[in-house]
PDB file of N, CA and C in Angstrom:
ATOM      1  N   MET A   1     113.681-101.836 127.937  1.00  0.00           N
ATOM      2  CA  MET A   1     113.861-102.346 129.264  1.00  0.00           C
ATOM      3  C   MET A   1     114.817-103.546 129.427  1.00  0.00           C
ATOM      4  N   PRO A   2     115.779-103.761 130.053  1.00  0.00           N
ATOM      5  CA  PRO A   2     116.628-104.720 129.843  1.00  0.00           C
ATOM      6  C   PRO A   2     115.898-106.251 130.311  1.00  0.00           C
ATOM      7  N   PHE A   3     116.517-107.352 129.974  1.00  0.00           N
ATOM      8  CA  PHE A   3     115.915-108.731 130.077  1.00  0.00           C
ATOM      9  C   PHE A   3     115.676-109.138 131.633  1.00  0.00           C
ATOM     10  N   ALA A   4     116.712-108.650 132.301  1.00  0.00           N
ATOM     11  CA  ALA A   4     116.595-108.889 133.744  1.00  0.00           C
ATOM     12  C   ALA A   4     115.355-108.076 134.387  1.00  0.00           C
ATOM     13  N   ARG A   5     115.330-106.963 134.021  1.00  0.00           N
ATOM     14  CA  ARG A   5     113.816-106.321 134.506  1.00  0.00           C
ATOM     15  C   ARG A   5     112.716-106.833 134.212  1.00  0.00           C
ATOM     16  N   LYS A   6     112.409-107.112 132.799  1.00  0.00           N
ATOM     17  CA  LYS A   6     111.275-107.602 132.147  1.00  0.00           C
ATOM     18  C   LYS A   6     110.951-109.057 132.953  1.00  0.00           C
ATOM     19  N   PHE A   7     112.044-109.921 133.176  1.00  0.00           N
ATOM     20  CA  PHE A   7     111.906-111.214 133.751  1.00  0.00           C
ATOM     21  C   PHE A   7     111.432-110.808 135.203  1.00  0.00           C
ATOM     22  N   GLY A   8     112.140-110.196 135.933  1.00  0.00           N
ATOM     23  CA  GLY A   8     111.692-109.833 137.283  1.00  0.00           C
ATOM     24  C   GLY A   8     110.486-109.249 137.549  1.00  0.00           C
ATOM     25  N   ASN A   9     109.816-108.440 136.553  1.00  0.00           N
ATOM     26  CA  ASN A   9     108.514-107.723 136.554  1.00  0.00           C
ATOM     27  C   ASN A   9     107.602-109.058 136.487  1.00  0.00           C
ATOM     28  N   ILE A  10     107.788-109.646 135.413  1.00  0.00           N
ATOM     29  CA  ILE A  10     106.867-111.028 135.476  1.00  0.00           C
ATOM     30  C   ILE A  10     106.915-111.800 136.386  1.00  0.00           C
ATOM     31  N   LEU A  11     108.033-112.028 137.248  1.00  0.00           N
ATOM     32  CA  LEU A  11     107.781-112.888 138.485  1.00  0.00           C
ATOM     33  C   LEU A  11     107.536-112.310 139.552  1.00  0.00           C
ATOM     34  N   LEU A  12     107.701-111.030 139.929  1.00  0.00           N
ATOM     35  CA  LEU A  12     107.124-110.208 140.881  1.00  0.00           C
ATOM     36  C   LEU A  12     105.600-110.124 140.954  1.00  0.00           C
ATOM     37  N   THR A  13     105.033-109.887 139.536  1.00  0.00           N
ATOM     38  CA  THR A  13     103.865-109.814 139.252  1.00  0.00           C
ATOM     39  C   THR A  13     102.945-110.975 139.654  1.00  0.00           C
ATOM     40  N   PHE A  14     103.635-112.196 139.092  1.00  0.00           N
ATOM     41  CA  PHE A  14     103.067-113.470 139.593  1.00  0.00           C
ATOM     42  C   PHE A  14     102.991-113.562 140.969  1.00  0.00           C
ATOM     43  N   LEU A  15     104.039-113.364 141.760  1.00  0.00           N
ATOM     44  CA  LEU A  15     104.008-113.665 143.226  1.00  0.00           C
ATOM     45  C   LEU A  15     103.085-112.514 144.059  1.00  0.00           C
ATOM     46  N   THR A  16     102.956-111.424 143.491  1.00  0.00           N
ATOM     47  CA  THR A  16     102.018-110.429 143.874  1.00  0.00           C
ATOM     48  C   THR A  16     100.452-111.014 143.598  1.00  0.00           C
ATOM     49  N   LYS A  17     100.388-111.521 142.683  1.00  0.00           N
ATOM     50  CA  LYS A  17      98.980-112.086 142.406  1.00  0.00           C
ATOM     51  C   LYS A  17      98.534-113.241 143.322  1.00  0.00           C
ATOM     52  N   ILE A  18      99.589-114.188 143.562  1.00  0.00           N
ATOM     53  CA  ILE A  18      99.561-115.304 144.430  1.00  0.00           C
ATOM     54  C   ILE A  18      99.191-114.518 145.921  1.00  0.00           C
ATOM     55  N   SER A  19     100.011-113.658 146.246  1.00  0.00           N
ATOM     56  CA  SER A  19      99.869-112.980 147.584  1.00  0.00           C
ATOM     57  C   SER A  19      98.741-112.314 147.798  1.00  0.00           C
ATOM     58  N   SER A  20      98.164-111.334 146.832  1.00  0.00           N
ATOM     59  CA  SER A  20      97.220-110.472 147.028  1.00  0.00           C
ATOM     60  C   SER A  20      95.655-111.115 146.841  1.00  0.00           C
ATOM     61  N   GLY A  21      95.883-112.282 145.805  1.00  0.00           N
ATOM     62  CA  GLY A  21      94.599-112.771 145.182  1.00  0.00           C
ATOM     63  C   GLY A  21      93.950-112.039 144.152  1.00  0.00           C
ATOM     64  N   TYR A  22      94.600-110.909 143.688  1.00  0.00           N
ATOM     65  CA  TYR A  22      94.026-110.344 142.482  1.00  0.00           C
ATOM     66  C   TYR A  22      94.782-110.877 141.295  1.00  0.00           C
ATOM     67  N   TRP A  23      94.149-111.851 140.850  1.00  0.00           N
ATOM     68  CA  TRP A  23      94.669-112.275 139.622  1.00  0.00           C
ATOM     69  C   TRP A  23      94.527-111.633 138.369  1.00  0.00           C
ATOM     70  N   HIS A  24      93.733-110.664 138.207  1.00  0.00           N
ATOM     71  CA  HIS A  24      93.137-109.880 136.951  1.00  0.00           C
ATOM     72  C   HIS A  24      94.111-108.494 136.954  1.00  0.00           C
ATOM     73  N   VAL A  25      94.705-108.265 137.995  1.00  0.00           N
ATOM     74  CA  VAL A  25      95.696-107.085 137.925  1.00  0.00           C
ATOM     75  C   VAL A  25      96.688-107.150 136.985  1.00  0.00           C
ATOM     76  N   PHE A  26      96.854-106.469 136.197  1.00  0.00           N
ATOM     77  CA  PHE A  26      97.785-106.764 134.856  1.00  0.00           C
ATOM     78  C   PHE A  26      99.320-106.460 135.353  1.00  0.00           C
ATOM     79  N   ASP A  27      99.612-105.207 135.929  1.00  0.00           N
ATOM     80  CA  ASP A  27     100.740-104.914 136.349  1.00  0.00           C
ATOM     81  C   ASP A  27     100.976-104.132 137.560  1.00  0.00           C
ATOM     82  N   PRO A  28     100.918-104.932 138.868  1.00  0.00           N
ATOM     83  CA  PRO A  28     100.915-104.291 140.147  1.00  0.00           C
ATOM     84  C   PRO A  28     102.278-103.544 140.373  1.00  0.00           C
ATOM     85  N   GLN A  29     103.130-103.834 139.558  1.00  0.00           N
ATOM     86  CA  GLN A  29     104.579-103.098 139.792  1.00  0.00           C
ATOM     87  C   GLN A  29     104.745-101.852 139.147  1.00  0.00           C
ATOM     88  N   ASN A  30     103.601-101.085 138.511  1.00  0.00           N
ATOM     89  CA  ASN A  30     103.744 -99.865 137.696  1.00  0.00           C
ATOM     90  C   ASN A  30     103.952 -98.566 138.514  1.00  0.00           C
ATOM     91  N   GLY A  31     103.724 -98.649 139.696  1.00  0.00           N
ATOM     92  CA  GLY A  31     104.046 -97.471 140.560  1.00  0.00           C
ATOM     93  C   GLY A  31     102.560 -96.622 140.624  1.00  0.00           C
ATOM     94  N   PHE A  32     101.762 -96.695 140.041  1.00  0.00           N
ATOM     95  CA  PHE A  32     100.487 -95.853 139.992  1.00  0.00           C
ATOM     96  C   PHE A  32      99.221 -96.690 140.748  1.00  0.00           C
ATOM     97  N   LEU A  33      98.793 -95.887 141.822  1.00  0.00           N
ATOM     98  CA  LEU A  33      97.806 -96.345 142.559  1.00  0.00           C
ATOM     99  C   LEU A  33      96.951 -95.435 142.873  1.00  0.00           C
ATOM    100  N   VAL A  34      95.438 -95.559 142.722  1.00  0.00           N
ATOM    101  CA  VAL A  34      94.341 -94.597 143.077  1.00  0.00           C
ATOM    102  C   VAL A  34      93.452 -95.365 144.168  1.00  0.00           C
ATOM    103  N   ILE A  35      93.051 -94.885 145.485  1.00  0.00           N
ATOM    104  CA  ILE A  35      92.417 -95.643 146.332  1.00  0.00           C
ATOM    105  C   ILE A  35      91.265 -94.706 146.729  1.00  0.00           C
ATOM    106  N   HIS A  36      90.059 -95.317 146.948  1.00  0.00           N
ATOM    107  CA  HIS A  36      88.961 -94.661 147.464  1.00  0.00           C
ATOM    108  C   HIS A  36      89.184 -94.210 149.065  1.00  0.00           C
ATOM    109  N   LYS A  37      88.810 -93.225 149.337  1.00  0.00           N
ATOM    110  CA  LYS A  37      89.137 -92.826 150.729  1.00  0.00           C
ATOM    111  C   LYS A  37      88.277 -93.774 151.877  1.00  0.00           C
ATOM    112  N   GLU A  38      87.272 -94.197 151.406  1.00  0.00           N
ATOM    113  CA  GLU A  38      86.684 -95.176 151.939  1.00  0.00           C
ATOM    114  C   GLU A  38      87.472 -96.410 152.463  1.00  0.00           C
ATOM    115  N   PHE A  39      88.282 -97.048 151.512  1.00  0.00           N
ATOM    116  CA  PHE A  39      89.167 -98.073 151.710  1.00  0.00           C
ATOM    117  C   PHE A  39      90.336 -97.610 152.342  1.00  0.00           C
ATOM    118  N   LEU A  40      90.882 -96.524 152.203  1.00  0.00           N
ATOM    119  CA  LEU A  40      92.311 -96.117 152.752  1.00  0.00           C
ATOM    120  C   LEU A  40      91.999 -96.027 154.230  1.00  0.00           C
ATOM    121  N   SER A  41      90.916 -95.815 154.681  1.00  0.00           N
ATOM    122  CA  SER A  41      90.699 -95.614 156.300  1.00  0.00           C
ATOM    123  C   SER A  41      90.575 -96.917 156.919  1.00  0.00           C
ATOM    124  N   THR A  42      90.193 -98.049 155.954  1.00  0.00           N
ATOM    125  CA  THR A  42      90.319 -99.243 156.693  1.00  0.00           C
ATOM    126  C   THR A  42      91.836-100.050 156.657  1.00  0.00           C
ATOM    127  N   LEU A  43      92.535 -99.662 156.212  1.00  0.00           N
ATOM    128  CA  LEU A  43      93.974-100.107 156.033  1.00  0.00           C
ATOM    129  C   LEU A  43      94.824 -99.555 157.104  1.00  0.00           C
ATOM    130  N   ASP A  44      95.671-100.550 157.496  1.00  0.00           N
ATOM    131  CA  ASP A  44      96.742-100.409 158.616  1.00  0.00           C
ATOM    132  C   ASP A  44      98.016 -99.900 157.759  1.00  0.00           C
ATOM    133  N   LEU A  45      97.937 -98.630 157.713  1.00  0.00           N
ATOM    134  CA  LEU A  45      98.997 -97.713 157.102  1.00  0.00           C
ATOM    135  C   LEU A  45     100.277 -97.937 157.753  1.00  0.00           C
ATOM    136  N   ASP A  46     100.356 -98.297 159.152  1.00  0.00           N
ATOM    137  CA  ASP A  46     101.658 -98.504 159.715  1.00  0.00           C
ATOM    138  C   ASP A  46     102.204 -99.747 159.306  1.00  0.00           C
ATOM    139  N   ARG A  47     101.451-100.671 158.877  1.00  0.00           N
ATOM    140  CA  ARG A  47     101.998-102.122 158.243  1.00  0.00           C
ATOM    141  C   ARG A  47     102.547-101.861 156.982  1.00  0.00           C
ATOM    142  N   ILE A  48     102.101-100.922 156.208  1.00  0.00           N
ATOM    143  CA  ILE A  48     102.742-100.806 154.878  1.00  0.00           C
ATOM    144  C   ILE A  48     104.072-100.169 154.832  1.00  0.00           C
ATOM    145  N   ARG A  49     105.001-101.050 154.384  1.00  0.00           N
ATOM    146  CA  ARG A  49     106.359-100.782 154.580  1.00  0.00           C
ATOM    147  C   ARG A  49     106.742 -99.621 153.711  1.00  0.00           C
ATOM    148  N   PRO A  50     107.834 -98.833 154.329  1.00  0.00           N
ATOM    149  CA  PRO A  50     108.241 -97.855 153.216  1.00  0.00           C
ATOM    150  C   PRO A  50     109.330 -98.331 152.236  1.00  0.00           C
ATOM    151  N   CYS A  51     109.494 -99.838 152.333  1.00  0.00           N
ATOM    152  CA  CYS A  51     110.459-100.291 151.298  1.00  0.00           C
ATOM    153  C   CYS A  51     110.250-100.041 150.024  1.00  0.00           C
ATOM    154  N   ARG A  52     111.238 -99.542 149.099  1.00  0.00           N
ATOM    155  CA  ARG A  52     111.037 -99.082 147.955  1.00  0.00           C
ATOM    156  C   ARG A  52     110.652-100.165 147.078  1.00  0.00           C
ATOM    157  N   TYR A  53     109.536 -99.792 146.119  1.00  0.00           N
ATOM    158  CA  TYR A  53     108.978-100.706 145.162  1.00  0.00           C
ATOM    159  C   TYR A  53     108.181-101.976 145.876  1.00  0.00           C
ATOM    160  N   PHE A  54     107.474-101.643 147.186  1.00  0.00           N
ATOM    161  CA  PHE A  54     106.864-102.811 147.634  1.00  0.00           C
ATOM    162  C   PHE A  54     105.439-102.050 148.103  1.00  0.00           C
ATOM    163  N   PHE A  55     105.492-100.903 148.222  1.00  0.00           N
ATOM    164  CA  PHE A  55     104.266-100.155 148.480  1.00  0.00           C
ATOM    165  C   PHE A  55     102.953-100.664 147.838  1.00  0.00           C
ATOM    166  N   GLU A  56     102.927-100.787 146.730  1.00  0.00           N
ATOM    167  CA  GLU A  56     101.519-101.151 145.955  1.00  0.00           C
ATOM    168  C   GLU A  56     101.355-102.631 146.262  1.00  0.00           C
ATOM    169  N   ASN A  57     102.180-103.427 146.567  1.00  0.00           N
ATOM    170  CA  ASN A  57     102.096-104.793 146.504  1.00  0.00           C
ATOM    171  C   ASN A  57     101.369-105.047 148.014  1.00  0.00           C
ATOM    172  N   GLU A  58     101.994-104.345 149.119  1.00  0.00           N
ATOM    173  CA  GLU A  58     101.235-104.339 150.291  1.00  0.00           C
ATOM    174  C   GLU A  58      99.967-103.798 150.416  1.00  0.00           C
ATOM    175  N   MET A  59      99.751-102.693 149.671  1.00  0.00           N
ATOM    176  CA  MET A  59      98.310-102.242 149.430  1.00  0.00           C
ATOM    177  C   MET A  59      97.427-103.308 149.051  1.00  0.00           C
ATOM    178  N   LEU A  60      97.781-103.971 147.855  1.00  0.00           N
ATOM    179  CA  LEU A  60      97.002-105.008 147.162  1.00  0.00           C
ATOM    180  C   LEU A  60      96.446-106.102 148.269  1.00  0.00           C
ATOM    181  N   VAL A  61      97.599-106.399 148.985  1.00  0.00           N
ATOM    182  CA  VAL A  61      97.359-107.502 150.026  1.00  0.00           C
ATOM    183  C   VAL A  61      96.306-106.956 151.171  1.00  0.00           C
ATOM    184  N   GLN A  62      96.353-105.978 151.666  1.00  0.00           N
ATOM    185  CA  GLN A  62      95.467-105.260 152.595  1.00  0.00           C
ATOM    186  C   GLN A  62      94.039-104.855 151.811  1.00  0.00           C
ATOM    187  N   LEU A  63      94.281-104.594 150.639  1.00  0.00           N
ATOM    188  CA  LEU A  63      92.794-104.230 150.092  1.00  0.00           C
ATOM    189  C   LEU A  63      91.994-105.606 149.914  1.00  0.00           C
ATOM    190  N   ASN A  64      92.865-106.707 149.801  1.00  0.00           N
ATOM    191  CA  ASN A  64      91.887-107.983 149.440  1.00  0.00           C
ATOM    192  C   ASN A  64      91.324-108.514 150.871  1.00  0.00           C
ATOM    193  N   ILE A  65      92.218-108.088 151.948  1.00  0.00           N
ATOM    194  CA  ILE A  65      91.838-108.446 153.183  1.00  0.00           C
ATOM    195  C   ILE A  65      90.571-107.830 153.213  1.00  0.00           C
ATOM    196  N   VAL A  66      90.127-106.517 153.270  1.00  0.00           N
ATOM    197  CA  VAL A  66      88.945-105.968 153.191  1.00  0.00           C
ATOM    198  C   VAL A  66      87.837-106.084 152.120  1.00  0.00           C
ATOM    199  N   SER A  67      88.289-107.024 151.405  1.00  0.00           N
ATOM    200  CA  SER A  67      87.414-107.230 150.043  1.00  0.00           C
ATOM    201  C   SER A  67      87.324-106.049 149.119  1.00  0.00           C
ATOM    202  N   ALA A  68      88.088-105.245 148.989  1.00  0.00           N
ATOM    203  CA  ALA A  68      87.735-104.046 148.030  1.00  0.00           C
ATOM    204  C   ALA A  68      88.083-104.602 146.732  1.00  0.00           C
ATOM    205  N   ARG A  69      87.263-103.912 145.800  1.00  0.00           N
ATOM    206  CA  ARG A  69      87.416-104.220 144.419  1.00  0.00           C
ATOM    207  C   ARG A  69      88.606-103.460 143.847  1.00  0.00           C
ATOM    208  N   VAL A  70      89.380-104.028 142.940  1.00  0.00           N
ATOM    209  CA  VAL A  70      90.315-103.576 142.494  1.00  0.00           C
ATOM    210  C   VAL A  70      90.387-103.596 140.730  1.00  0.00           C
ATOM    211  N   MET A  71      90.950-102.624 140.095  1.00  0.00           N
ATOM    212  CA  MET A  71      90.921-102.678 138.938  1.00  0.00           C
ATOM    213  C   MET A  71      91.892-102.013 138.284  1.00  0.00           C
ATOM    214  N   ASP A  72      92.357-102.463 137.029  1.00  0.00           N
ATOM    215  CA  ASP A  72      93.398-101.806 136.382  1.00  0.00           C
ATOM    216  C   ASP A  72      93.072-100.307 135.739  1.00  0.00           C
ATOM    217  N   CYS A  73      94.019 -99.524 135.419  1.00  0.00           N
ATOM    218  CA  CYS A  73      93.696 -98.388 134.658  1.00  0.00           C
ATOM    219  C   CYS A  73      94.671 -98.300 133.686  1.00  0.00           C
ATOM    220  N   PRO A  74      94.448 -98.586 132.246  1.00  0.00           N
ATOM    221  CA  PRO A  74      95.379 -98.634 131.331  1.00  0.00           C
ATOM    222  C   PRO A  74      96.282 -97.241 131.218  1.00  0.00           C
ATOM    223  N   MET A  75      97.531 -97.474 131.154  1.00  0.00           N
ATOM    224  CA  MET A  75      98.393 -96.185 131.148  1.00  0.00           C
ATOM    225  C   MET A  75      99.423 -96.668 129.988  1.00  0.00           C
ATOM    226  N   LEU A  76     100.095 -95.557 129.404  1.00  0.00           N
ATOM    227  CA  LEU A  76     101.406 -95.841 128.747  1.00  0.00           C
ATOM    228  C   LEU A  76     102.562 -95.661 129.413  1.00  0.00           C
ATOM    229  N   ALA A  77     103.432 -96.573 129.229  1.00  0.00           N
ATOM    230  CA  ALA A  77     104.761 -96.460 130.141  1.00  0.00           C
ATOM    231  C   ALA A  77     105.894 -95.547 128.992  1.00  0.00           C
ATOM    232  N   VAL A  78     106.270 -94.636 129.684  1.00  0.00           N
ATOM    233  CA  VAL A  78     107.341 -93.636 129.065  1.00  0.00           C
ATOM    234  C   VAL A  78     108.406 -93.831 129.731  1.00  0.00           C
ATOM    235  N   TYR A  79     109.448 -94.429 129.120  1.00  0.00           N
ATOM    236  CA  TYR A  79     110.772 -94.230 129.580  1.00  0.00           C
ATOM    237  C   TYR A  79     111.713 -93.338 128.826  1.00  0.00           C
ATOM    238  N   THR A  80     112.269 -92.499 129.464  1.00  0.00           N
ATOM    239  CA  THR A  80     112.823 -91.380 128.874  1.00  0.00           C
ATOM    240  C   THR A  80     114.559 -91.476 128.842  1.00  0.00           C
ATOM    241  N   GLY A  81     115.015 -92.782 129.140  1.00  0.00           N
ATOM    242  CA  GLY A  81     116.333 -92.975 129.073  1.00  0.00           C
ATOM    243  C   GLY A  81     117.033 -92.845 130.574  1.00  0.00           C
ATOM    244  N   ALA A  82     116.294 -92.360 131.388  1.00  0.00           N
ATOM    245  CA  ALA A  82     116.940 -92.195 132.863  1.00  0.00           C
ATOM    246  C   ALA A  82     117.303 -93.550 133.410  1.00  0.00           C
ATOM    247  N   PRO A  83     118.164 -93.375 134.174  1.00  0.00           N
ATOM    248  CA  PRO A  83     118.851 -94.714 134.817  1.00  0.00           C
ATOM    249  C   PRO A  83     117.916 -95.209 135.802  1.00  0.00           C
ATOM    250  N   SER A  84     117.571 -96.362 136.067  1.00  0.00           N
ATOM    251  CA  SER A  84     116.710 -96.995 136.976  1.00  0.00           C
ATOM    252  C   SER A  84     117.222 -96.914 138.505  1.00  0.00           C
ATOM    253  N   SER A  85     116.799 -96.731 139.431  1.00  0.00           N
ATOM    254  CA  SER A  85     117.369 -96.897 140.804  1.00  0.00           C
ATOM    255  C   SER A  85     117.063 -98.243 141.276  1.00  0.00           C
ATOM    256  N   LEU A  86     116.507 -99.054 140.682  1.00  0.00           N
ATOM    257  CA  LEU A  86     116.110-100.560 141.126  1.00  0.00           C
ATOM    258  C   LEU A  86     117.472-101.231 141.138  1.00  0.00           C
ATOM    259  N   PHE A  87     117.903-101.898 142.226  1.00  0.00           N
ATOM    260  CA  PHE A  87     118.744-102.683 142.581  1.00  0.00           C
ATOM    261  C   PHE A  87     118.305-104.082 142.765  1.00  0.00           C
ATOM    262  N   ILE A  88     118.548-105.157 141.745  1.00  0.00           N
ATOM    263  CA  ILE A  88     117.905-106.387 141.601  1.00  0.00           C
ATOM    264  C   ILE A  88     118.173-107.151 142.805  1.00  0.00           C
ATOM    265  N   PRO A  89     119.314-107.317 143.396  1.00  0.00           N
ATOM    266  CA  PRO A  89     119.702-108.068 144.517  1.00  0.00           C
ATOM    267  C   PRO A  89     118.908-107.751 145.550  1.00  0.00           C
ATOM    268  N   GLU A  90     118.810-106.152 145.678  1.00  0.00           N
ATOM    269  CA  GLU A  90     118.084-106.006 146.931  1.00  0.00           C
ATOM    270  C   GLU A  90     116.737-106.358 147.102  1.00  0.00           C
ATOM    271  N   VAL A  91     115.883-106.370 145.660  1.00  0.00           N
ATOM    272  CA  VAL A  91     114.784-106.814 145.655  1.00  0.00           C
ATOM    273  C   VAL A  91     114.375-108.278 145.752  1.00  0.00           C
ATOM    274  N   ILE A  92     115.551-109.085 145.254  1.00  0.00           N
ATOM    275  CA  ILE A  92     115.305-110.452 145.430  1.00  0.00           C
ATOM    276  C   ILE A  92     115.372-110.817 147.054  1.00  0.00           C
ATOM    277  N   ARG A  93     116.204-110.053 147.612  1.00  0.00           N
ATOM    278  CA  ARG A  93     116.710-110.265 149.023  1.00  0.00           C
ATOM    279  C   ARG A  93     115.066-109.994 149.905  1.00  0.00           C
ATOM    280  N   TYR A  94     114.501-109.148 149.546  1.00  0.00           N
ATOM    281  CA  TYR A  94     113.148-108.835 150.562  1.00  0.00           C
ATOM    282  C   TYR A  94     111.902-109.245 150.024  1.00  0.00           C
ATOM    283  N   TYR A  95     111.732-109.085 148.616  1.00  0.00           N
ATOM    284  CA  TYR A  95     110.426-109.049 148.105  1.00  0.00           C
ATOM    285  C   TYR A  95     109.769-110.755 148.360  1.00  0.00           C
ATOM    286  N   PRO A  96     110.371-111.836 148.085  1.00  0.00           N
ATOM    287  CA  PRO A  96     109.644-112.990 148.387  1.00  0.00           C
ATOM    288  C   PRO A  96     109.298-113.103 149.832  1.00  0.00           C
ATOM    289  N   ARG A  97     109.988-112.680 150.832  1.00  0.00           N
ATOM    290  CA  ARG A  97     109.662-112.890 152.198  1.00  0.00           C
ATOM    291  C   ARG A  97     108.591-112.109 152.384  1.00  0.00           C
ATOM    292  N   LEU A  98     108.480-110.752 152.011  1.00  0.00           N
ATOM    293  CA  LEU A  98     107.281-109.906 152.360  1.00  0.00           C
ATOM    294  C   LEU A  98     106.081-110.488 151.702  1.00  0.00           C
ATOM    295  N   LEU A  99     106.076-111.183 150.206  1.00  0.00           N
ATOM    296  CA  LEU A  99     104.914-111.510 149.837  1.00  0.00           C
ATOM    297  C   LEU A  99     104.382-112.823 150.531  1.00  0.00           C
ATOM    298  N   ILE A 100     105.339-113.607 150.835  1.00  0.00           N
ATOM    299  CA  ILE A 100     104.826-114.808 151.486  1.00  0.00           C
ATOM    300  C   ILE A 100     103.964-114.565 152.746  1.00  0.00           C
ATOM    301  N   ARG A 101     104.566-113.600 153.658  1.00  0.00           N
ATOM    302  CA  ARG A 101     104.062-113.065 154.861  1.00  0.00           C
ATOM    303  C   ARG A 101     102.717-112.450 154.557  1.00  0.00           C
ATOM    304  N   GLY A 102     102.579-111.670 153.350  1.00  0.00           N
ATOM    305  CA  GLY A 102     101.237-111.106 152.735  1.00  0.00           C
ATOM    306  C   GLY A 102     100.157-112.268 152.617  1.00  0.00           C
ATOM    307  N   PHE A 103     100.718-113.195 151.920  1.00  0.00           N
ATOM    308  CA  PHE A 103      99.980-114.486 151.776  1.00  0.00           C
ATOM    309  C   PHE A 103      99.126-115.021 152.756  1.00  0.00           C
ATOM    310  N   PHE A 104      99.907-115.038 153.938  1.00  0.00           N
ATOM    311  CA  PHE A 104      99.508-115.834 155.134  1.00  0.00           C
ATOM    312  C   PHE A 104      98.953-114.920 156.112  1.00  0.00           C
TER     313      PHE A 104
END
């Protein structure tokens, strides 16, 4: 993984922890999420933005609002050499604003 992506992941993970309140979640950017249907029905799914790469972060913020217990599920990261569709300037443009909004 290129340095810029590693650094970005660390920074976004930290900002997500501040915004969501889930300090124990190791990697909220990994793209894997399991949610119990009991909590799914309590979330405002219209508020969860279809923005690429932000879905998990918004879910964590909303789960904190309803006091859901969240835990990590260890998994191996497998990179097969496929190019990433992540565009760092795009993420820098919208992530901080959305995370600040989630915090408040």
